[in-house]
Protein backbone atom coordinates (compact mmCIF):
# COMPACT_ATOMS: atom_id res chain seq x y z
CA UNK A 1 -0.09 0.17 0.14
CA UNK A 2 1.26 3.57 -0.98
CA UNK A 3 2.83 4.95 2.52
CA UNK A 4 0.67 8.35 2.00
CA UNK A 5 -2.72 6.73 1.65
CA UNK A 6 -4.21 7.71 4.73
CA UNK A 7 -3.07 11.52 4.39
CA UNK A 8 -4.70 11.37 0.78
CA UNK A 9 -7.71 9.53 2.09
CA UNK A 10 -8.25 12.55 4.99
CA UNK A 11 -8.04 15.06 1.82
CA UNK A 12 -10.62 13.28 0.07
CA UNK A 13 -12.68 13.08 2.71
CA UNK A 14 -12.39 16.67 3.73
CA UNK A 15 -12.97 18.18 0.05
CA UNK A 16 -15.45 15.89 -1.02
CA UNK A 17 -17.95 17.00 1.30
CA UNK A 18 -19.36 19.78 -1.57
CA UNK A 19 -19.92 17.16 -4.13
CA UNK A 20 -23.26 15.60 -1.98
CA UNK A 21 -24.36 19.04 -1.45
CA UNK A 22 -23.68 19.93 -5.41
CA UNK A 23 -25.94 16.81 -6.48
CA UNK A 24 -28.57 17.40 -4.46
CA UNK A 25 -28.71 20.92 -5.33
CA UNK A 26 -28.62 19.78 -8.96
CA UNK A 27 -31.42 16.85 -7.84
CA UNK A 28 -33.67 19.68 -6.69
CA UNK A 29 -34.23 20.28 -10.37
CA UNK A 30 -33.03 17.36 -12.66
CA UNK A 31 -35.04 14.23 -11.92
CA UNK A 32 -32.87 10.87 -12.36
CA UNK A 33 -30.25 11.01 -14.32
CA UNK A 34 -27.32 9.85 -11.92
CA UNK A 35 -25.08 8.92 -14.27
CA UNK A 36 -25.16 12.04 -16.16
CA UNK A 37 -25.10 14.24 -12.99
CA UNK A 38 -22.03 11.75 -11.74
CA UNK A 39 -20.07 12.42 -15.84
CA UNK A 40 -20.63 16.24 -15.29
CA UNK A 41 -18.81 16.21 -11.77
CA UNK A 42 -16.10 13.98 -12.95
CA UNK A 43 -15.32 16.00 -16.21
CA UNK A 44 -15.53 19.16 -13.69
CA UNK A 45 -13.15 17.83 -11.10
CA UNK A 46 -10.83 16.31 -13.95
CA UNK A 47 -10.66 19.53 -15.74
CA UNK A 48 -12.01 17.48 -19.06
CA UNK A 49 -14.40 18.92 -21.43
CA UNK A 50 -17.78 16.95 -22.05
CA UNK A 51 -19.66 15.94 -25.37
CA UNK A 52 -23.18 14.85 -24.13
CA UNK A 53 -25.40 13.29 -26.67
CA UNK A 54 -29.16 12.47 -26.88
CA UNK A 55 -32.12 13.04 -28.29
CA UNK A 56 -34.19 16.38 -27.66
CA UNK A 57 -36.15 16.75 -24.37
CA UNK A 58 -33.37 14.75 -22.37
CA UNK A 59 -32.73 17.87 -20.09
CA UNK A 60 -28.98 18.10 -21.48
CA UNK A 61 -29.12 21.84 -21.46
CA UNK A 62 -30.98 22.28 -18.13
CA UNK A 63 -28.60 20.10 -16.49
CA UNK A 64 -25.34 21.99 -17.61
CA UNK A 65 -27.40 24.87 -16.99
CA UNK A 66 -28.33 23.74 -13.22
CA UNK A 67 -24.54 22.84 -12.42
CA UNK A 68 -23.35 25.97 -14.11
CA UNK A 69 -25.69 27.89 -11.54
CA UNK A 70 -25.26 25.84 -8.45
CA UNK A 71 -21.48 26.95 -8.55
CA UNK A 72 -20.47 30.80 -7.98
CA UNK A 73 -18.90 31.39 -11.74
CA UNK A 74 -19.57 33.04 -15.01
CA UNK A 75 -21.45 30.91 -17.23
CA UNK A 76 -22.65 31.65 -21.33
CA UNK A 77 -24.56 29.43 -23.11
CA UNK A 78 -23.50 29.53 -26.99
CA UNK A 79 -26.40 28.41 -29.37
CA UNK A 80 -24.48 27.16 -32.92
CA UNK A 81 -25.88 28.26 -36.12
CA UNK A 82 -24.66 27.56 -39.17
CA UNK A 83 -24.36 31.50 -39.68
CA UNK A 84 -22.18 31.82 -36.55
CA UNK A 85 -18.71 33.42 -37.08
CA UNK A 86 -15.52 32.65 -34.76
CA UNK A 87 -15.73 36.59 -33.94
CA UNK A 88 -19.22 35.67 -32.23
CA UNK A 89 -17.16 33.35 -29.97
CA UNK A 90 -14.28 34.78 -29.29
CA UNK A 91 -14.49 38.39 -30.07
CA UNK A 92 -13.18 41.01 -32.00
CA UNK A 93 -11.44 44.45 -32.55
CA UNK A 94 -13.78 47.22 -32.57
CA UNK A 95 -12.60 50.82 -34.07
CA UNK A 96 -13.31 53.73 -31.49
CA UNK A 97 -13.40 56.73 -34.26
CA UNK A 98 -12.95 59.07 -31.09
CA UNK A 99 -9.29 58.01 -30.34
CA UNK A 100 -8.91 56.70 -33.85
CA UNK A 101 -7.50 52.94 -32.64
CA UNK A 102 -8.81 49.51 -32.04
CA UNK A 103 -10.17 48.10 -29.04
CA UNK A 104 -10.72 44.36 -28.29
CA UNK A 105 -14.15 43.03 -27.11
CA UNK A 106 -13.90 40.05 -25.77
CA UNK A 107 -16.57 37.19 -26.70
CA UNK A 108 -19.02 34.88 -24.68
CA UNK A 109 -15.94 32.57 -24.42
CA UNK A 110 -14.15 34.01 -21.57
CA UNK A 111 -16.67 32.52 -18.86
CA UNK A 112 -15.95 29.64 -16.55
CA UNK A 113 -18.70 27.34 -18.00
CA UNK A 114 -19.64 27.44 -21.76
CA UNK A 115 -22.31 25.62 -22.72
CA UNK A 116 -22.13 24.80 -26.60
CA UNK A 117 -25.56 23.85 -27.50
CA UNK A 118 -26.01 21.71 -31.02
CA UNK A 119 -22.20 22.38 -31.62
CA UNK A 120 -22.48 20.10 -34.78
CA UNK A 121 -24.67 22.94 -36.34
CA UNK A 122 -21.42 25.39 -36.32
CA UNK A 123 -18.86 25.64 -39.37
CA UNK A 124 -15.51 24.66 -39.46
CA UNK A 125 -14.06 28.31 -38.69
CA UNK A 126 -15.89 28.19 -35.24
CA UNK A 127 -15.13 24.60 -34.76
CA UNK A 128 -11.44 25.50 -35.19
CA UNK A 129 -11.82 28.27 -32.46
CA UNK A 130 -13.18 26.54 -30.06
CA UNK A 131 -10.51 24.25 -30.89
CA UNK A 132 -7.76 26.44 -29.17
CA UNK A 133 -9.75 27.50 -26.11
CA UNK A 134 -10.56 24.01 -25.22
CA UNK A 135 -7.09 22.66 -25.28
CA UNK A 136 -4.85 25.66 -25.03
CA UNK A 137 -7.30 27.51 -22.35
CA UNK A 138 -6.54 30.58 -24.28
CA UNK A 139 -7.91 32.61 -27.61
CA UNK A 140 -6.31 34.71 -30.16
CA UNK A 141 -7.71 37.91 -31.73
CA UNK A 142 -5.98 39.58 -34.49
CA UNK A 143 -2.19 39.22 -33.06
CA UNK A 144 -2.64 39.09 -29.01
CA UNK A 145 -3.43 36.08 -27.29
CA UNK A 146 -5.59 36.32 -24.33
CA UNK A 147 -5.73 33.36 -21.18
CA UNK A 148 -8.96 32.22 -20.52
CA UNK A 149 -10.43 32.40 -16.66
CA UNK A 150 -10.40 29.40 -14.33
CA UNK A 151 -12.36 26.84 -13.84
CA UNK A 152 -12.65 26.86 -17.94
CA UNK A 153 -15.07 24.09 -18.98
CA UNK A 154 -16.87 23.28 -22.07
CA UNK A 155 -19.69 21.24 -22.17
CA UNK A 156 -21.23 20.70 -25.66
CA UNK A 157 -24.39 19.10 -26.58
CA UNK A 158 -25.43 17.08 -30.26
CA UNK A 159 -28.62 15.82 -31.37
CA UNK A 160 -28.14 12.13 -32.79
CA UNK A 161 -31.25 11.85 -35.05
CA UNK A 162 -31.40 15.10 -37.04
CA UNK A 163 -28.44 15.59 -39.59
CA UNK A 164 -30.14 18.56 -42.10
CA UNK A 165 -28.09 21.66 -41.35
CA UNK A 166 -25.14 20.05 -39.50
CA UNK A 167 -21.45 19.34 -39.79
CA UNK A 168 -19.61 16.24 -38.47
CA UNK A 169 -17.35 17.29 -35.72
CA UNK A 170 -13.57 16.89 -36.89
CA UNK A 171 -11.81 13.75 -34.99
CA UNK A 172 -9.03 16.63 -33.42
CA UNK A 173 -12.26 18.06 -31.89
CA UNK A 174 -13.54 15.38 -30.60
CA UNK A 175 -10.70 13.75 -29.28
CA UNK A 176 -10.35 17.06 -26.81
CA UNK A 177 -13.49 16.09 -25.16
CA UNK A 178 -12.54 13.86 -22.09
CA UNK A 179 -15.94 12.25 -21.78
CA UNK A 180 -18.51 11.88 -24.36
CA UNK A 181 -22.04 10.74 -22.48
CA UNK A 182 -25.07 9.38 -24.10
CA UNK A 183 -27.96 10.73 -22.52
CA UNK A 184 -30.93 8.09 -22.28
CA UNK A 185 -34.55 8.30 -21.48
CA UNK A 186 -35.96 8.18 -18.20
CA UNK A 187 -38.39 5.28 -16.55
CA UNK A 188 -41.85 5.76 -16.12
CA UNK A 189 -41.69 6.90 -12.49
CA UNK A 190 -39.34 9.05 -13.21
CA UNK A 191 -40.98 10.33 -16.22
CA UNK A 192 -44.08 11.31 -13.95
CA UNK A 193 -42.13 12.96 -11.38
CA UNK A 194 -40.52 15.09 -14.37
CA UNK A 195 -43.98 15.96 -15.63
CA UNK A 196 -45.11 16.92 -12.06
CA UNK A 197 -42.52 18.94 -11.61
CA UNK A 198 -42.09 21.04 -14.81
CA UNK A 199 -45.97 21.61 -14.68
CA UNK A 200 -46.16 22.52 -11.06
CA UNK A 201 -47.45 26.25 -9.74
CA UNK A 202 -44.22 27.55 -8.47
CA UNK A 203 -41.15 27.77 -10.53
CA UNK A 204 -37.81 25.98 -9.20
CA UNK A 205 -35.31 28.09 -8.63
CA UNK A 206 -31.03 27.16 -8.22
CA UNK A 207 -29.02 28.83 -5.65
CA UNK A 208 -25.26 28.86 -5.77
CA UNK A 209 -23.68 26.38 -3.25
CA UNK A 210 -20.05 25.99 -3.79
CA UNK A 211 -17.59 28.55 -4.88
CA UNK A 212 -14.67 28.23 -7.76
CA UNK A 213 -12.08 27.82 -4.94
CA UNK A 214 -13.70 24.59 -3.61
CA UNK A 215 -13.30 23.07 -7.19
CA UNK A 216 -9.47 24.08 -7.28
CA UNK A 217 -8.67 22.63 -4.04
CA UNK A 218 -10.61 19.19 -5.17
CA UNK A 219 -8.71 19.03 -8.51
CA UNK A 220 -5.34 19.34 -6.48
CA UNK A 221 -6.73 16.17 -4.09
CA UNK A 222 -7.62 14.68 -7.60
CA UNK A 223 -4.34 14.61 -8.91
CA UNK A 224 -2.98 13.17 -5.45
CA UNK A 225 -5.23 10.07 -5.70
CA UNK A 226 -2.89 7.00 -5.80
CA UNK A 227 -3.07 4.69 -8.79
CA UNK A 228 -0.92 1.47 -8.52
CA UNK A 229 1.28 1.02 -11.74
CA UNK A 230 -0.19 -2.39 -12.03
CA UNK A 231 -3.48 -0.03 -12.98
CA UNK A 232 -1.65 2.39 -14.87
CA UNK A 233 -0.31 -0.79 -17.13
CA UNK A 234 -4.16 -1.75 -17.43
CA UNK A 235 -4.73 1.50 -18.88
CA UNK A 236 -2.30 1.67 -21.20
CA UNK A 237 -3.66 -2.17 -22.10
CA UNK A 238 -6.78 -0.96 -22.76
CA UNK A 239 -5.93 1.80 -25.08
CA UNK A 240 -3.46 -0.02 -26.85
CA UNK A 241 -5.94 -2.93 -27.36
CA UNK A 242 -7.70 -0.46 -29.37
CA UNK A 243 -4.89 0.03 -31.74
CA UNK A 244 -3.25 -3.39 -31.80
CA UNK A 245 -6.53 -5.98 -30.89
CA UNK A 246 -4.85 -9.24 -32.51
CA UNK A 247 -1.96 -8.58 -29.87
CA UNK A 248 -4.60 -9.19 -27.50
CA UNK A 249 -6.21 -12.49 -28.82
CA UNK A 250 -9.18 -10.35 -30.42
CA UNK A 251 -10.26 -10.79 -34.37
CA UNK A 252 -11.91 -7.52 -34.22
CA UNK A 253 -8.91 -5.74 -36.24
CA UNK A 254 -11.12 -5.44 -39.63
CA UNK A 255 -14.10 -3.59 -37.75
CA UNK A 256 -11.47 -0.37 -36.52
CA UNK A 257 -10.18 2.07 -38.79
CA UNK A 258 -8.32 4.06 -35.76
CA UNK A 259 -7.91 3.20 -32.40
CA UNK A 260 -7.85 5.30 -29.24
CA UNK A 261 -5.13 8.34 -28.72
CA UNK A 262 -2.38 8.60 -26.22
CA UNK A 263 -4.85 11.49 -25.24
CA UNK A 264 -7.29 8.56 -24.07
CA UNK A 265 -4.70 7.00 -21.66
CA UNK A 266 -4.17 10.68 -19.63
CA UNK A 267 -7.90 11.57 -19.60
CA UNK A 268 -8.64 7.54 -18.57
CA UNK A 269 -6.30 8.06 -15.51
CA UNK A 270 -7.67 11.31 -14.57
CA UNK A 271 -11.40 10.49 -14.81
CA UNK A 272 -10.58 7.46 -12.73
CA UNK A 273 -9.11 9.38 -10.35
CA UNK A 274 -12.06 11.93 -10.11
CA UNK A 275 -14.13 8.89 -9.94
CA UNK A 276 -12.53 7.50 -7.34
CA UNK A 277 -12.84 10.90 -5.54
CA UNK A 278 -16.55 10.60 -5.87
CA UNK A 279 -16.77 7.48 -4.36
CA UNK A 280 -14.97 8.75 -1.34
CA UNK A 281 -11.45 6.54 -2.02
CA UNK A 282 -8.22 7.73 -1.98
CA UNK A 283 -6.87 5.27 -4.44
CA UNK A 284 -8.35 3.54 -7.70
CA UNK A 285 -9.47 0.28 -8.52
CA UNK A 286 -10.10 -1.39 -11.72
CA UNK A 287 -13.43 -1.11 -11.30
CA UNK A 288 -13.35 2.98 -11.56
CA UNK A 289 -11.59 2.27 -14.90
CA UNK A 290 -14.32 -0.16 -16.32
CA UNK A 291 -16.76 2.27 -15.33
CA UNK A 292 -15.37 5.63 -16.73
CA UNK A 293 -13.79 3.61 -19.66
CA UNK A 294 -16.43 3.82 -22.14
CA UNK A 295 -17.19 7.48 -21.71
CA UNK A 296 -13.49 8.02 -22.53
CA UNK A 297 -13.34 5.67 -25.61
CA UNK A 298 -16.66 5.58 -27.36
CA UNK A 299 -15.53 8.63 -29.48
CA UNK A 300 -12.01 7.86 -30.22
CA UNK A 301 -12.52 4.17 -31.62
CA UNK A 302 -13.35 5.15 -35.08
CA UNK A 303 -14.96 2.25 -36.94
CA UNK A 304 -14.76 0.64 -40.53
CA UNK A 305 -17.18 0.76 -43.28
CA UNK A 306 -17.14 -3.21 -42.86
CA UNK A 307 -17.97 -2.31 -39.05
CA UNK A 308 -20.92 0.11 -40.44
CA UNK A 309 -22.13 -2.74 -42.92
CA UNK A 310 -22.31 -5.42 -40.17
CA UNK A 311 -23.96 -2.39 -37.91
CA UNK A 312 -21.06 -3.02 -35.06
CA UNK A 313 -20.68 0.60 -33.12
CA UNK A 314 -17.88 1.63 -31.53
CA UNK A 315 -19.20 1.25 -28.10
CA UNK A 316 -19.80 -2.63 -28.66
CA UNK A 317 -16.12 -2.48 -30.04
CA UNK A 318 -15.10 -0.80 -26.55
CA UNK A 319 -16.85 -3.28 -24.61
CA UNK A 320 -14.95 -6.30 -26.48
CA UNK A 321 -11.90 -4.26 -25.33
CA UNK A 322 -12.91 -4.76 -21.65
CA UNK A 323 -14.05 -8.09 -21.62
CA UNK A 324 -10.59 -9.25 -23.48
CA UNK A 325 -8.35 -7.47 -22.02
CA UNK A 326 -6.86 -8.99 -18.33
CA UNK A 327 -7.86 -7.32 -15.43
CA UNK A 328 -4.86 -6.49 -12.85
C-alpha cells in the first residue's frame, strides 16, 4: 500500500463533502439522470470537457445550466448555428473613431462554464476557434493571445437523429472532449415526477452552493489520488488493444479504422481518479477504469465501413476490449 494513502484519504474526505451538496442541489431540478450528473462532476473535477449526445427533451441543456448556476461562476450559453462566425465566439477588434485606435471586445467564450448547444451546427471556422480554447485554454484575437478564466469547461450537446444542416465534428476536436456521454430516456416513475415538477404552480430556482475555489482545491486532491503501477499498465493495455486488438487475442482488427489516441490514456487516468474521489476513495481500482472507460473511449475508436455494414458500433468494440483485456 502507498505510504501516504491515509493522508490522501483524509484530504479526500475533507474536500469531497461539497459533491453531495452539489448533487442534491442539481437533484432539486433534474429528476433521475444519476449517470449524467456523475459524469458532469467527473468532468468538473478532472478538468475535462464533455460532449453530451441524446435526443431532444432529455434535459441535457437544463442539466448544464443547473450545474453552472449551483457554482458561483460565470456561465455562457452559445447556440451554435450555421451562420455563426469565430468573432461571435471569441470576440473581435472594434474601431473607436474618437481615439482612432482599435479596442478588443472579448466574446462570450471568456466565461468559466460554456454550454455549446448543438455544437455540430457550427461551420469549420468556428470549430477551429473553439479548438484552441478547449486545448490551450486561450484564444487569439488579431495578434494577441488572451488566457481564459479558471476554471474553464466546455459542455457541448448534439442531437444524433437530426443531421440536416449539421457539420460532423472533426476527429481532432472530438478527441479534445474527455468524455462523450450518451443521455438516455427516464423510466416511467421518473417521467411522472418530471411531468409533475415541470407543470407545478411554482418555478424551480437554483441557488449557488459552492465556489470556484472549492473546485480548484478538489482538483488538487484528485491529482494526488493514488493509482498503482498495475492499474496504470491496465489503462495502457486497454488503449493499445483498441489499436492492435490482434495482440490481445481479438479478431476485430478489420472493424477498427483508428484506435484511441494517447490522450485517451491521460484522460482515463484523470477520470478514474475523479471517479474514485466521488466514491470517497484515495486510490483507483480497475472498476473505476471499467466504469468510466466507455465514456472516454466511445468517441475515440473509429470504426471501418465494414463495421458499419455489419452494424457494429464503437460502443460494442469498446465493450469487447474490456471483456478481453486481463484485469490486474
